[in-house]
C-alpha cells in the first residue's frame, strides 16, 4: 500500500457519507493493482504494459487520496468551529432595564446574522413585564458562525438613562451572553435516567393545532440542574431532539468553563476565559462609546453597533487572538 494511504483507514472512510464513494474507489484500485501485478508475475513479457498500468493506477490513487484528505481537513475545521450554535441572552443586574438590554443584545445579534446571511431562529423566550428578555435562546446557522461569535461569551454592561427614569439618572445594567457550538459529533453521552422530561402546549402563531398538541419540551438534567426548553419546532419529537442537542452543548460549555477556571493563570495566549461570568464589554450610550475590556479598546457609534454593526469589533478581537497564539 502506498505511504499516502497508510494514514487513511479505508473502512472508516466507508462509514463517512462524504468519503464512502472515494473509499470504494480506493478499494477497487487496490484490487486492480494486485491483479495487474499478478499478470506480470505470470507473464514476464507484459512487464512494460504492467508498468504503465500501475503508473495509471498510482495517479488515480493519488488524486483520490488528495480529495479525501481535503474533505477530512474541512470536516476537522467544522468540528472545531461548527456552523451552528445556540446563543443565549440572560438579564443580569438592573431589573427591567437589564431585561430590555438583553432584548437589545439579541436584536444586535439577529441583525448581524442577517448581514452575514446566517439563519437566525428563536428557540425559547421568557419575557419581562415590559417586553424585555429575562432569558432567551436562539439557534444560528451559517458559515463561520461559531468562529465569529465565540468571543461574545460573557457579561455585557450598558450605561444609559432608561426611558422610565424621570430624574435623568444614569443606570448601569448587565446581561450575559453564552455561545454554545452544536457539534455533529456528540461529546456527551447523556444517561436517560438523568433526565426529567415535561411536555406542554406551545403558544404563539401556528393555528389551532399548536395549542391542542403538547409539542413544547422541557428537559431537566438532574445531576447538574440544567434546564432546557424548546418550543420552536412543530413536533414533540423534533423539539425533544433539539433540546437534547442544546443540553449536550450546555454540558460541554460547563466543562470548558471549569477547565478555564483551573488554568486561568496560564491562559496568557487567549483573550478572555470563555466564561459567561466574565465582564467583557460596556456600552456607554451617553458617551457614544463601546469598550471591550479584554483588549482595552473602544469604538464609537453605539447605535450602529447595537444595530448589528459589530464586524469591526469581532474582526479586531479575532486578529488579537491570532497574534497572541502565534506569539
Foldseek 3Di string as FASTA:
>chain_A
DDPLCVPPDLVVLCVDPVRVVLSVVLVVLVVVLVVLVVVCVVPVVCVVVSVVVNVVSVVVNVVSSVVVVVVVVVLVVCQVQPQKKKKKKAWDPDPPVSQQVSQLQLLLAVLQLVVQVKDKAWWDFDADPVGGTNMTMIMIGDPRPCVLCLVQFAKEKEWAQDPPHPVRDIDITIMGMAMFDQGPDQPDDADPVQKDKDFAAADDDDDPVSRVDGQKMWIARNVVRDIFIGDRDSHNVVRVVVRVSVVSRVVVLVVQLVVLVVCVVVPQLAQDSSHHHHYAWYCYPVVQWIAGVSVGDIDGNSVVSSNHPCVVVSVVNSVSSVVSNVD
